[in-house]
PDB file of all heavy atoms in Angstrom:
ATOM      1  N   GLY A   1      55.250  97.235  61.322  1.00  0.00           N
ATOM      2  CA  GLY A   1      56.415  96.711  60.624  1.00  0.00           C
ATOM      3  C   GLY A   1      56.188  95.314  60.068  1.00  0.00           C
ATOM      4  O   GLY A   1      55.173  94.661  60.331  1.00  0.00           O
ATOM      5  N   TYR A   2      57.162  94.864  59.315  1.00  0.00           N
ATOM      6  CA  TYR A   2      57.038  93.556  58.672  1.00  0.00           C
ATOM      7  C   TYR A   2      57.207  92.409  59.669  1.00  0.00           C
ATOM      8  O   TYR A   2      56.583  91.353  59.504  1.00  0.00           O
ATOM      9  CB  TYR A   2      58.055  93.446  57.536  1.00  0.00           C
ATOM     10  CG  TYR A   2      57.673  94.288  56.344  1.00  0.00           C
ATOM     11  CD1 TYR A   2      58.137  95.590  56.210  1.00  0.00           C
ATOM     12  CD2 TYR A   2      56.804  93.799  55.370  1.00  0.00           C
ATOM     13  CE1 TYR A   2      57.775  96.377  55.127  1.00  0.00           C
ATOM     14  CE2 TYR A   2      56.438  94.569  54.288  1.00  0.00           C
ATOM     15  CZ  TYR A   2      56.922  95.864  54.175  1.00  0.00           C
ATOM     16  OH  TYR A   2      56.537  96.653  53.110  1.00  0.00           O
ATOM     17  N   GLU A   3      58.010  92.610  60.688  1.00  0.00           N
ATOM     18  CA  GLU A   3      58.137  91.554  61.693  1.00  0.00           C
ATOM     19  C   GLU A   3      56.820  91.378  62.438  1.00  0.00           C
ATOM     20  O   GLU A   3      56.364  90.248  62.673  1.00  0.00           O
ATOM     21  CB  GLU A   3      59.271  91.893  62.669  1.00  0.00           C
ATOM     22  CG  GLU A   3      60.667  91.759  62.089  1.00  0.00           C
ATOM     23  CD  GLU A   3      60.972  90.325  61.673  1.00  0.00           C
ATOM     24  OE1 GLU A   3      60.446  89.390  62.322  1.00  0.00           O
ATOM     25  OE2 GLU A   3      61.724  90.136  60.700  1.00  0.00           O
ATOM     26  N   GLY A   4      56.219  92.483  62.830  1.00  0.00           N
ATOM     27  CA  GLY A   4      54.929  92.398  63.511  1.00  0.00           C
ATOM     28  C   GLY A   4      53.862  91.814  62.611  1.00  0.00           C
ATOM     29  O   GLY A   4      52.995  91.051  63.064  1.00  0.00           O
ATOM     30  N   MET A   5      53.894  92.166  61.328  1.00  0.00           N
ATOM     31  CA  MET A   5      52.927  91.620  60.394  1.00  0.00           C
ATOM     32  C   MET A   5      53.099  90.112  60.247  1.00  0.00           C
ATOM     33  O   MET A   5      52.111  89.360  60.205  1.00  0.00           O
ATOM     34  CB  MET A   5      53.072  92.315  59.038  1.00  0.00           C
ATOM     35  CG  MET A   5      52.074  91.842  57.999  1.00  0.00           C
ATOM     36  SD  MET A   5      52.303  92.685  56.414  1.00  0.00           S
ATOM     37  CE  MET A   5      53.954  92.106  55.979  1.00  0.00           C
ATOM     38  N   ARG A   6      54.354  89.651  60.160  1.00  0.00           N
ATOM     39  CA  ARG A   6      54.579  88.204  60.051  1.00  0.00           C
ATOM     40  C   ARG A   6      54.087  87.474  61.307  1.00  0.00           C
ATOM     41  O   ARG A   6      53.599  86.344  61.208  1.00  0.00           O
ATOM     42  CB  ARG A   6      56.062  87.927  59.805  1.00  0.00           C
ATOM     43  CG  ARG A   6      56.504  88.203  58.370  1.00  0.00           C
ATOM     44  CD  ARG A   6      57.866  87.593  58.076  1.00  0.00           C
ATOM     45  NE  ARG A   6      58.931  88.310  58.779  1.00  0.00           N
ATOM     46  CZ  ARG A   6      59.632  89.296  58.240  1.00  0.00           C
ATOM     47  NH1 ARG A   6      59.381  89.685  57.012  1.00  0.00           N
ATOM     48  NH2 ARG A   6      60.602  89.883  58.934  1.00  0.00           N
ATOM     49  N   ARG A   7      54.226  88.123  62.448  1.00  0.00           N
ATOM     50  CA  ARG A   7      53.690  87.493  63.680  1.00  0.00           C
ATOM     51  C   ARG A   7      52.174  87.353  63.588  1.00  0.00           C
ATOM     52  O   ARG A   7      51.608  86.338  64.036  1.00  0.00           O
ATOM     53  CB  ARG A   7      54.089  88.317  64.903  1.00  0.00           C
ATOM     54  CG  ARG A   7      55.553  88.179  65.289  1.00  0.00           C
ATOM     55  CD  ARG A   7      55.805  88.725  66.693  1.00  0.00           C
ATOM     56  NE  ARG A   7      55.533  90.158  66.778  1.00  0.00           N
ATOM     57  CZ  ARG A   7      56.432  91.100  66.568  1.00  0.00           C
ATOM     58  NH1 ARG A   7      57.680  90.772  66.249  1.00  0.00           N
ATOM     59  NH2 ARG A   7      56.114  92.384  66.685  1.00  0.00           N
ATOM     60  N   LEU A   8      51.525  88.365  63.031  1.00  0.00           N
ATOM     61  CA  LEU A   8      50.073  88.275  62.853  1.00  0.00           C
ATOM     62  C   LEU A   8      49.720  87.145  61.892  1.00  0.00           C
ATOM     63  O   LEU A   8      48.786  86.373  62.141  1.00  0.00           O
ATOM     64  CB  LEU A   8      49.511  89.603  62.332  1.00  0.00           C
ATOM     65  CG  LEU A   8      49.510  90.789  63.296  1.00  0.00           C
ATOM     66  CD1 LEU A   8      48.890  92.014  62.614  1.00  0.00           C
ATOM     67  CD2 LEU A   8      48.737  90.463  64.566  1.00  0.00           C
ATOM     68  N   PHE A   9      50.475  87.024  60.790  1.00  0.00           N
ATOM     69  CA  PHE A   9      50.216  85.960  59.826  1.00  0.00           C
ATOM     70  C   PHE A   9      50.421  84.584  60.475  1.00  0.00           C
ATOM     71  O   PHE A   9      49.629  83.656  60.247  1.00  0.00           O
ATOM     72  CB  PHE A   9      51.138  86.101  58.612  1.00  0.00           C
ATOM     73  CG  PHE A   9      50.812  87.267  57.730  1.00  0.00           C
ATOM     74  CD1 PHE A   9      51.772  87.795  56.867  1.00  0.00           C
ATOM     75  CD2 PHE A   9      49.556  87.859  57.753  1.00  0.00           C
ATOM     76  CE1 PHE A   9      51.483  88.864  56.047  1.00  0.00           C
ATOM     77  CE2 PHE A   9      49.253  88.936  56.930  1.00  0.00           C
ATOM     78  CZ  PHE A   9      50.220  89.436  56.077  1.00  0.00           C
ATOM     79  N   HIS A  10      51.467  84.479  61.259  1.00  0.00           N
ATOM     80  CA  HIS A  10      51.781  83.187  61.874  1.00  0.00           C
ATOM     81  C   HIS A  10      50.717  82.793  62.896  1.00  0.00           C
ATOM     82  O   HIS A  10      50.379  81.605  63.037  1.00  0.00           O
ATOM     83  CB  HIS A  10      53.159  83.251  62.538  1.00  0.00           C
ATOM     84  CG  HIS A  10      53.673  81.913  62.990  1.00  0.00           C
ATOM     85  ND1 HIS A  10      53.349  81.356  64.205  1.00  0.00           N
ATOM     86  CD2 HIS A  10      54.482  81.009  62.359  1.00  0.00           C
ATOM     87  CE1 HIS A  10      53.925  80.186  64.324  1.00  0.00           C
ATOM     88  NE2 HIS A  10      54.623  79.946  63.210  1.00  0.00           N
ATOM     89  N   GLY A  11      50.176  83.780  63.613  1.00  0.00           N
ATOM     90  CA  GLY A  11      49.188  83.459  64.649  1.00  0.00           C
ATOM     91  C   GLY A  11      47.757  83.500  64.174  1.00  0.00           C
ATOM     92  O   GLY A  11      46.833  83.282  64.979  1.00  0.00           O
ATOM     93  N   ALA A  12      47.538  83.785  62.878  1.00  0.00           N
ATOM     94  CA  ALA A  12      46.168  83.868  62.355  1.00  0.00           C
ATOM     95  C   ALA A  12      45.627  82.481  62.096  1.00  0.00           C
ATOM     96  O   ALA A  12      46.021  81.807  61.142  1.00  0.00           O
ATOM     97  CB  ALA A  12      46.150  84.703  61.074  1.00  0.00           C
ATOM     98  N   THR A  13      44.760  82.035  62.966  1.00  0.00           N
ATOM     99  CA  THR A  13      44.149  80.710  62.827  1.00  0.00           C
ATOM    100  C   THR A  13      42.633  80.847  62.911  1.00  0.00           C
ATOM    101  O   THR A  13      42.094  81.857  63.355  1.00  0.00           O
ATOM    102  CB  THR A  13      44.641  79.757  63.923  1.00  0.00           C
ATOM    103  OG1 THR A  13      44.327  80.318  65.213  1.00  0.00           O
ATOM    104  CG2 THR A  13      46.141  79.547  63.821  1.00  0.00           C
ATOM    105  N   GLY A  14      41.951  79.806  62.494  1.00  0.00           N
ATOM    106  CA  GLY A  14      40.502  79.793  62.556  1.00  0.00           C
ATOM    107  C   GLY A  14      39.950  78.627  61.784  1.00  0.00           C
ATOM    108  O   GLY A  14      40.683  77.874  61.121  1.00  0.00           O
ATOM    109  N   LYS A  15      38.637  78.489  61.840  1.00  0.00           N
ATOM    110  CA  LYS A  15      38.008  77.354  61.169  1.00  0.00           C
ATOM    111  C   LYS A  15      37.989  77.521  59.658  1.00  0.00           C
ATOM    112  O   LYS A  15      37.848  76.544  58.915  1.00  0.00           O
ATOM    113  CB  LYS A  15      36.590  77.160  61.693  1.00  0.00           C
ATOM    114  CG  LYS A  15      35.659  78.346  61.410  1.00  0.00           C
ATOM    115  CD  LYS A  15      34.270  78.098  61.954  1.00  0.00           C
ATOM    116  CE  LYS A  15      33.344  79.274  61.651  1.00  0.00           C
ATOM    117  NZ  LYS A  15      31.973  79.048  62.174  1.00  0.00           N
ATOM    118  N   ASP A  16      38.106  78.772  59.172  1.00  0.00           N
ATOM    119  CA  ASP A  16      38.125  79.004  57.728  1.00  0.00           C
ATOM    120  C   ASP A  16      39.027  80.200  57.431  1.00  0.00           C
ATOM    121  O   ASP A  16      39.569  80.851  58.335  1.00  0.00           O
ATOM    122  CB  ASP A  16      36.718  79.214  57.169  1.00  0.00           C
ATOM    123  CG  ASP A  16      35.959  80.321  57.906  1.00  0.00           C
ATOM    124  OD1 ASP A  16      36.615  81.243  58.443  1.00  0.00           O
ATOM    125  OD2 ASP A  16      34.725  80.270  57.951  1.00  0.00           O
ATOM    126  N   SER A  17      39.177  80.514  56.162  1.00  0.00           N
ATOM    127  CA  SER A  17      40.056  81.609  55.758  1.00  0.00           C
ATOM    128  C   SER A  17      39.538  82.954  56.230  1.00  0.00           C
ATOM    129  O   SER A  17      40.316  83.877  56.493  1.00  0.00           O
ATOM    130  CB  SER A  17      40.211  81.607  54.230  1.00  0.00           C
ATOM    131  OG  SER A  17      40.814  80.411  53.787  1.00  0.00           O
ATOM    132  N   ASN A  18      38.235  83.086  56.292  1.00  0.00           N
ATOM    133  CA  ASN A  18      37.651  84.341  56.780  1.00  0.00           C
ATOM    134  C   ASN A  18      38.110  84.624  58.205  1.00  0.00           C
ATOM    135  O   ASN A  18      38.491  85.754  58.544  1.00  0.00           O
ATOM    136  CB  ASN A  18      36.123  84.264  56.719  1.00  0.00           C
ATOM    137  CG  ASN A  18      35.462  85.536  57.201  1.00  0.00           C
ATOM    138  OD1 ASN A  18      36.047  86.615  57.121  1.00  0.00           O
ATOM    139  ND2 ASN A  18      34.251  85.432  57.714  1.00  0.00           N
ATOM    140  N   ASP A  19      38.105  83.609  59.055  1.00  0.00           N
ATOM    141  CA  ASP A  19      38.563  83.788  60.435  1.00  0.00           C
ATOM    142  C   ASP A  19      40.039  84.166  60.481  1.00  0.00           C
ATOM    143  O   ASP A  19      40.461  84.998  61.296  1.00  0.00           O
ATOM    144  CB  ASP A  19      38.338  82.503  61.237  1.00  0.00           C
ATOM    145  CG  ASP A  19      36.864  82.245  61.494  1.00  0.00           C
ATOM    146  OD1 ASP A  19      36.065  83.194  61.356  1.00  0.00           O
ATOM    147  OD2 ASP A  19      36.513  81.095  61.822  1.00  0.00           O
ATOM    148  N   CYS A  20      40.839  83.565  59.607  1.00  0.00           N
ATOM    149  CA  CYS A  20      42.275  83.872  59.584  1.00  0.00           C
ATOM    150  C   CYS A  20      42.516  85.334  59.193  1.00  0.00           C
ATOM    151  O   CYS A  20      43.309  86.036  59.817  1.00  0.00           O
ATOM    152  CB  CYS A  20      42.997  82.939  58.618  1.00  0.00           C
ATOM    153  SG  CYS A  20      42.950  81.189  59.088  1.00  0.00           S
ATOM    154  N   CYS A  21      41.827  85.788  58.147  1.00  0.00           N
ATOM    155  CA  CYS A  21      41.996  87.179  57.724  1.00  0.00           C
ATOM    156  C   CYS A  21      41.462  88.140  58.778  1.00  0.00           C
ATOM    157  O   CYS A  21      42.063  89.194  59.032  1.00  0.00           O
ATOM    158  CB  CYS A  21      41.278  87.401  56.390  1.00  0.00           C
ATOM    159  SG  CYS A  21      42.020  86.533  54.986  1.00  0.00           S
ATOM    160  N   GLN A  22      40.353  87.764  59.399  1.00  0.00           N
ATOM    161  CA  GLN A  22      39.797  88.618  60.449  1.00  0.00           C
ATOM    162  C   GLN A  22      40.761  88.738  61.629  1.00  0.00           C
ATOM    163  O   GLN A  22      40.856  89.793  62.263  1.00  0.00           O
ATOM    164  CB  GLN A  22      38.450  88.072  60.915  1.00  0.00           C
ATOM    165  CG  GLN A  22      37.734  88.953  61.939  1.00  0.00           C
ATOM    166  CD  GLN A  22      37.408  90.320  61.382  1.00  0.00           C
ATOM    167  OE1 GLN A  22      36.884  90.457  60.281  1.00  0.00           O
ATOM    168  NE2 GLN A  22      37.728  91.357  62.143  1.00  0.00           N
ATOM    169  N   ALA A  23      41.470  87.671  61.921  1.00  0.00           N
ATOM    170  CA  ALA A  23      42.448  87.710  63.009  1.00  0.00           C
ATOM    171  C   ALA A  23      43.557  88.714  62.716  1.00  0.00           C
ATOM    172  O   ALA A  23      44.061  89.391  63.624  1.00  0.00           O
ATOM    173  CB  ALA A  23      43.040  86.313  63.227  1.00  0.00           C
ATOM    174  N   VAL A  24      43.940  88.842  61.438  1.00  0.00           N
ATOM    175  CA  VAL A  24      44.962  89.828  61.072  1.00  0.00           C
ATOM    176  C   VAL A  24      44.439  91.241  61.284  1.00  0.00           C
ATOM    177  O   VAL A  24      45.115  92.095  61.863  1.00  0.00           O
ATOM    178  CB  VAL A  24      45.387  89.621  59.602  1.00  0.00           C
ATOM    179  CG1 VAL A  24      46.329  90.745  59.160  1.00  0.00           C
ATOM    180  CG2 VAL A  24      46.058  88.269  59.430  1.00  0.00           C
ATOM    181  N   PHE A  25      43.203  91.498  60.835  1.00  0.00           N
ATOM    182  CA  PHE A  25      42.625  92.831  61.016  1.00  0.00           C
ATOM    183  C   PHE A  25      42.433  93.149  62.494  1.00  0.00           C
ATOM    184  O   PHE A  25      42.676  94.280  62.926  1.00  0.00           O
ATOM    185  CB  PHE A  25      41.300  92.928  60.267  1.00  0.00           C
ATOM    186  CG  PHE A  25      41.437  92.915  58.776  1.00  0.00           C
ATOM    187  CD1 PHE A  25      40.763  91.984  58.006  1.00  0.00           C
ATOM    188  CD2 PHE A  25      42.260  93.825  58.132  1.00  0.00           C
ATOM    189  CE1 PHE A  25      40.889  91.969  56.637  1.00  0.00           C
ATOM    190  CE2 PHE A  25      42.404  93.817  56.752  1.00  0.00           C
ATOM    191  CZ  PHE A  25      41.712  92.888  56.006  1.00  0.00           C
TER     192      PHE A  25
END
């Protein structure tokens, strides 16, 4: 769902954008 997806976006952190996107996957 969209709420769960937003939680993933909010918690996606890392040293670069690749790490952030990988955290979502």
